[in-house]
Amino acid sequence: MHVAVRDIAGEYAMTLDDGQKVYEKIAPVLAGARSVELDFAGVALATGPFLNMAIGQLFKDHKREALDRLLVVQNLNTVSTPVLRLVMKHAEEYFSSDVTRAAVDKVLKALAEEV
């Protein structure tokens, strides 16, 4: 399956909502062990929040090896590429460790209560 991110998020892939739309489009395909080409052609910037929603949460249901095999990211620019690497690294750590997940959730809850 080919997914043109620009068609969903526009030139600036920034919002959580747009990232969720991408996730909802690709998650069922990946769940069926079918490959996805996520094409960022025409996207000037993809932010961390967008990438967390679109790709990061895939780690709750998939191991890194499966995503490396099934998810092909194309045409992501040099500014957003290191952001995606960090998103994937942190998501993998978060979803693979109950201890890490509990610690992060505790901090996020405390921060939310301060607001």
Foldseek 3Di string as FASTA:
>chain_A
DEDELCVQCNQEQEDLVSLQVLQVVCLVCVVVLAAYEYEDVNHPYHDLSSLCSNPLVSLLPDAPVSCVVRYHYYDDDPVCVVSNVVSNVVSNVCNVDPVNVVVVVVVVVVVVVVD
